[in-house]
Amino acid sequence: MTSGKESSYQAEWMLLQNQYDSYEKFSLLIKLTNVVVTAYLLFALQVDFWAALVAATLWLQDGIWKTWQSRINARLLEVEAVLSSEYPDTAAPMQYNQRWLQLRPGMMGMVKEYLRNALAPTVAYPHMVLVVLSGLVGVCGV
């Protein structure tokens, strides 16, 4: 690999890695927001149905957010493979969007991808707990 091309891959890796880490921070912010808002709706306003709806909505939003992050991760792994010489030097650097378009699933594929990411344990917690808690408060008056 030429040094100019290698430096392009390195620059792309640094940019994507920063973005990947940023998505992780905002995923945590979505989770914390869900805890605060759901607790407020449940215990201050006592609107259990709305609390469950808000918790489920923020859970799905976090799933979508993590799906976007996983797309960055896919390109990061490709760039890392090229930089470690374990991958044939066929992919041009700085082609994140082109690569995503090549691999983009149809609408149902994207919905499945969002749901799959939303159900991952690291995403589902604490959202699932909040949805269940909201349901219990509504049904049992806990």
C-alpha atoms as a PDB file:
ATOM      1  CA  MET A   1       0.000   0.000   0.000  1.00  0.00           C
ATOM      2  CA  THR A   2       1.331   3.433  -0.868  1.00  0.00           C
ATOM      3  CA  SER A   3       2.047   5.805   1.974  1.00  0.00           C
ATOM      4  CA  GLY A   4      -0.501   8.366   0.701  1.00  0.00           C
ATOM      5  CA  LYS A   5      -3.216   5.745   0.550  1.00  0.00           C
ATOM      6  CA  GLU A   6      -2.218   4.426   3.975  1.00  0.00           C
ATOM      7  CA  SER A   7      -2.457   7.908   5.478  1.00  0.00           C
ATOM      8  CA  SER A   8      -5.935   8.244   3.943  1.00  0.00           C
ATOM      9  CA  TYR A   9      -6.973   5.018   5.653  1.00  0.00           C
ATOM     10  CA  GLN A  10      -5.470   6.230   8.926  1.00  0.00           C
ATOM     11  CA  ALA A  11      -7.348   9.529   8.690  1.00  0.00           C
ATOM     12  CA  GLU A  12     -10.559   7.676   7.902  1.00  0.00           C
ATOM     13  CA  TRP A  13      -9.988   5.325  10.847  1.00  0.00           C
ATOM     14  CA  MET A  14      -9.456   8.222  13.259  1.00  0.00           C
ATOM     15  CA  LEU A  15     -12.603   9.995  12.076  1.00  0.00           C
ATOM     16  CA  LEU A  16     -14.742   6.857  12.213  1.00  0.00           C
ATOM     17  CA  GLN A  17     -13.391   5.818  15.610  1.00  0.00           C
ATOM     18  CA  ASN A  18     -14.254   9.242  17.047  1.00  0.00           C
ATOM     19  CA  GLN A  19     -17.742   8.964  15.586  1.00  0.00           C
ATOM     20  CA  TYR A  20     -18.152   5.437  16.946  1.00  0.00           C
ATOM     21  CA  ASP A  21     -17.213   6.614  20.443  1.00  0.00           C
ATOM     22  CA  SER A  22     -19.547   9.607  20.119  1.00  0.00           C
ATOM     23  CA  TYR A  23     -22.466   7.302  19.268  1.00  0.00           C
ATOM     24  CA  GLU A  24     -21.693   5.309  22.425  1.00  0.00           C
ATOM     25  CA  LYS A  25     -21.877   8.468  24.546  1.00  0.00           C
ATOM     26  CA  PHE A  26     -25.191   9.518  23.044  1.00  0.00           C
ATOM     27  CA  SER A  27     -26.607   6.021  23.514  1.00  0.00           C
ATOM     28  CA  LEU A  28     -25.842   6.377  27.210  1.00  0.00           C
ATOM     29  CA  LEU A  29     -27.537   9.790  27.160  1.00  0.00           C
ATOM     30  CA  ILE A  30     -30.664   8.223  25.602  1.00  0.00           C
ATOM     31  CA  LYS A  31     -30.682   5.608  28.378  1.00  0.00           C
ATOM     32  CA  LEU A  32     -30.263   8.200  31.135  1.00  0.00           C
ATOM     33  CA  THR A  33     -32.977  10.375  29.600  1.00  0.00           C
ATOM     34  CA  ASN A  34     -35.286   7.375  29.525  1.00  0.00           C
ATOM     35  CA  VAL A  35     -34.669   6.633  33.210  1.00  0.00           C
ATOM     36  CA  VAL A  36     -35.329  10.241  34.271  1.00  0.00           C
ATOM     37  CA  VAL A  37     -38.374  10.860  32.053  1.00  0.00           C
ATOM     38  CA  THR A  38     -39.991   7.485  32.770  1.00  0.00           C
ATOM     39  CA  ALA A  39     -39.436   7.841  36.524  1.00  0.00           C
ATOM     40  CA  TYR A  40     -40.963  11.326  36.402  1.00  0.00           C
ATOM     41  CA  LEU A  41     -43.990  10.127  34.424  1.00  0.00           C
ATOM     42  CA  LEU A  42     -44.482   7.139  36.718  1.00  0.00           C
ATOM     43  CA  PHE A  43     -43.899   8.604  40.134  1.00  0.00           C
ATOM     44  CA  ALA A  44     -44.556  12.347  39.825  1.00  0.00           C
ATOM     45  CA  LEU A  45     -47.359  12.411  37.260  1.00  0.00           C
ATOM     46  CA  GLN A  46     -48.561   8.808  37.736  1.00  0.00           C
ATOM     47  CA  VAL A  47     -49.277   8.259  34.060  1.00  0.00           C
ATOM     48  CA  ASP A  48     -48.194   4.649  33.639  1.00  0.00           C
ATOM     49  CA  PHE A  49     -49.425   4.154  30.054  1.00  0.00           C
ATOM     50  CA  TRP A  50     -47.544   7.218  28.821  1.00  0.00           C
ATOM     51  CA  ALA A  51     -44.479   6.183  30.791  1.00  0.00           C
ATOM     52  CA  ALA A  52     -44.492   2.792  29.063  1.00  0.00           C
ATOM     53  CA  LEU A  53     -44.993   4.446  25.671  1.00  0.00           C
ATOM     54  CA  VAL A  54     -42.153   6.922  26.227  1.00  0.00           C
ATOM     55  CA  ALA A  55     -39.857   4.165  27.539  1.00  0.00           C
ATOM     56  CA  ALA A  56     -40.598   1.962  24.512  1.00  0.00           C
ATOM     57  CA  THR A  57     -40.099   4.874  22.100  1.00  0.00           C
ATOM     58  CA  LEU A  58     -36.736   5.802  23.591  1.00  0.00           C
ATOM     59  CA  TRP A  59     -35.748   2.125  23.561  1.00  0.00           C
ATOM     60  CA  LEU A  60     -36.452   1.912  19.823  1.00  0.00           C
ATOM     61  CA  GLN A  61     -34.628   5.198  19.269  1.00  0.00           C
ATOM     62  CA  ASP A  62     -31.609   3.749  21.044  1.00  0.00           C
ATOM     63  CA  GLY A  63     -31.863   0.673  18.806  1.00  0.00           C
ATOM     64  CA  ILE A  64     -31.835   2.889  15.714  1.00  0.00           C
ATOM     65  CA  TRP A  65     -28.914   4.855  17.141  1.00  0.00           C
ATOM     66  CA  LYS A  66     -26.941   1.644  17.775  1.00  0.00           C
ATOM     67  CA  THR A  67     -27.744   0.473  14.237  1.00  0.00           C
ATOM     68  CA  TRP A  68     -26.112   3.599  12.840  1.00  0.00           C
ATOM     69  CA  GLN A  69     -23.153   2.932  15.129  1.00  0.00           C
ATOM     70  CA  SER A  70     -22.912  -0.647  13.843  1.00  0.00           C
ATOM     71  CA  ARG A  71     -22.613   0.682  10.294  1.00  0.00           C
ATOM     72  CA  ILE A  72     -19.641   2.773  11.369  1.00  0.00           C
ATOM     73  CA  ASN A  73     -18.206  -0.317  13.047  1.00  0.00           C
ATOM     74  CA  ALA A  74     -18.493  -2.341   9.838  1.00  0.00           C
ATOM     75  CA  ARG A  75     -16.418   0.221   7.952  1.00  0.00           C
ATOM     76  CA  LEU A  76     -13.957   0.518  10.857  1.00  0.00           C
ATOM     77  CA  LEU A  77     -13.331  -3.225  10.716  1.00  0.00           C
ATOM     78  CA  GLU A  78     -12.797  -3.040   6.968  1.00  0.00           C
ATOM     79  CA  VAL A  79     -10.310  -0.166   7.314  1.00  0.00           C
ATOM     80  CA  GLU A  80      -8.495  -1.940  10.150  1.00  0.00           C
ATOM     81  CA  ALA A  81      -8.191  -5.077   8.029  1.00  0.00           C
ATOM     82  CA  VAL A  82      -6.687  -3.055   5.178  1.00  0.00           C
ATOM     83  CA  LEU A  83      -4.260  -1.317   7.544  1.00  0.00           C
ATOM     84  CA  SER A  84      -3.181  -4.630   9.057  1.00  0.00           C
ATOM     85  CA  SER A  85      -2.650  -6.107   5.562  1.00  0.00           C
ATOM     86  CA  GLU A  86      -5.118  -8.916   6.274  1.00  0.00           C
ATOM     87  CA  TYR A  87      -7.492  -7.668   3.623  1.00  0.00           C
ATOM     88  CA  PRO A  88      -6.933  -7.251  -0.084  1.00  0.00           C
ATOM     89  CA  ASP A  89      -6.296  -3.638  -0.959  1.00  0.00           C
ATOM     90  CA  THR A  90      -9.389  -3.348  -3.149  1.00  0.00           C
ATOM     91  CA  ALA A  91     -11.528  -0.902  -1.182  1.00  0.00           C
ATOM     92  CA  ALA A  92     -10.629   2.726  -1.715  1.00  0.00           C
ATOM     93  CA  PRO A  93     -10.234   4.876   1.400  1.00  0.00           C
ATOM     94  CA  MET A  94     -12.832   7.479   2.366  1.00  0.00           C
ATOM     95  CA  GLN A  95     -15.742   5.504   0.903  1.00  0.00           C
ATOM     96  CA  TYR A  96     -17.972   5.072   3.962  1.00  0.00           C
ATOM     97  CA  ASN A  97     -21.232   6.177   2.293  1.00  0.00           C
ATOM     98  CA  GLN A  98     -20.561   4.367  -0.972  1.00  0.00           C
ATOM     99  CA  ARG A  99     -19.827   1.174   0.944  1.00  0.00           C
ATOM    100  CA  TRP A 100     -22.996   1.560   2.997  1.00  0.00           C
ATOM    101  CA  LEU A 101     -25.067   2.070  -0.162  1.00  0.00           C
ATOM    102  CA  GLN A 102     -23.623  -1.143  -1.603  1.00  0.00           C
ATOM    103  CA  LEU A 103     -24.607  -3.085   1.517  1.00  0.00           C
ATOM    104  CA  ARG A 104     -27.871  -1.245   2.316  1.00  0.00           C
ATOM    105  CA  PRO A 105     -30.770  -3.632   2.920  1.00  0.00           C
ATOM    106  CA  GLY A 106     -34.324  -2.922   1.743  1.00  0.00           C
ATOM    107  CA  MET A 107     -36.929  -1.351   4.014  1.00  0.00           C
ATOM    108  CA  MET A 108     -37.834  -4.601   5.807  1.00  0.00           C
ATOM    109  CA  GLY A 109     -34.152  -5.426   6.159  1.00  0.00           C
ATOM    110  CA  MET A 110     -33.561  -2.064   7.802  1.00  0.00           C
ATOM    111  CA  VAL A 111     -36.512  -2.541  10.186  1.00  0.00           C
ATOM    112  CA  LYS A 112     -35.136  -5.983  11.135  1.00  0.00           C
ATOM    113  CA  GLU A 113     -31.706  -4.453  11.673  1.00  0.00           C
ATOM    114  CA  TYR A 114     -33.182  -1.755  13.952  1.00  0.00           C
ATOM    115  CA  LEU A 115     -35.135  -4.313  15.988  1.00  0.00           C
ATOM    116  CA  ARG A 116     -32.156  -6.685  16.219  1.00  0.00           C
ATOM    117  CA  ASN A 117     -30.035  -3.866  17.612  1.00  0.00           C
ATOM    118  CA  ALA A 118     -32.801  -2.742  19.989  1.00  0.00           C
ATOM    119  CA  LEU A 119     -32.993  -6.260  21.439  1.00  0.00           C
ATOM    120  CA  ALA A 120     -29.255  -6.545  22.066  1.00  0.00           C
ATOM    121  CA  PRO A 121     -28.721  -6.822  25.837  1.00  0.00           C
ATOM    122  CA  THR A 122     -26.524  -3.723  26.018  1.00  0.00           C
ATOM    123  CA  VAL A 123     -29.280  -1.698  24.349  1.00  0.00           C
ATOM    124  CA  ALA A 124     -32.316  -3.359  25.950  1.00  0.00           C
ATOM    125  CA  TYR A 125     -31.078  -2.474  29.422  1.00  0.00           C
ATOM    126  CA  PRO A 126     -32.467  -0.294  31.042  1.00  0.00           C
ATOM    127  CA  HIS A 127     -35.249   0.278  28.509  1.00  0.00           C
ATOM    128  CA  MET A 128     -36.894  -3.126  28.963  1.00  0.00           C
ATOM    129  CA  VAL A 129     -36.843  -2.695  32.746  1.00  0.00           C
ATOM    130  CA  LEU A 130     -38.581   0.678  32.397  1.00  0.00           C
ATOM    131  CA  VAL A 131     -41.270  -0.695  30.073  1.00  0.00           C
ATOM    132  CA  VAL A 132     -41.929  -3.630  32.423  1.00  0.00           C
ATOM    133  CA  LEU A 133     -41.934  -1.356  35.489  1.00  0.00           C
ATOM    134  CA  SER A 134     -44.406   0.987  33.785  1.00  0.00           C
ATOM    135  CA  GLY A 135     -46.642  -1.969  32.972  1.00  0.00           C
ATOM    136  CA  LEU A 136     -46.480  -3.264  36.534  1.00  0.00           C
ATOM    137  CA  VAL A 137     -47.359   0.128  37.954  1.00  0.00           C
ATOM    138  CA  GLY A 138     -50.297   0.348  35.563  1.00  0.00           C
ATOM    139  CA  VAL A 139     -51.623  -3.160  36.175  1.00  0.00           C
ATOM    140  CA  CYS A 140     -50.797  -3.704  39.839  1.00  0.00           C
ATOM    141  CA  GLY A 141     -50.547  -0.165  41.079  1.00  0.00           C
ATOM    142  CA  VAL A 142     -47.111  -1.016  42.484  1.00  0.00           C
END
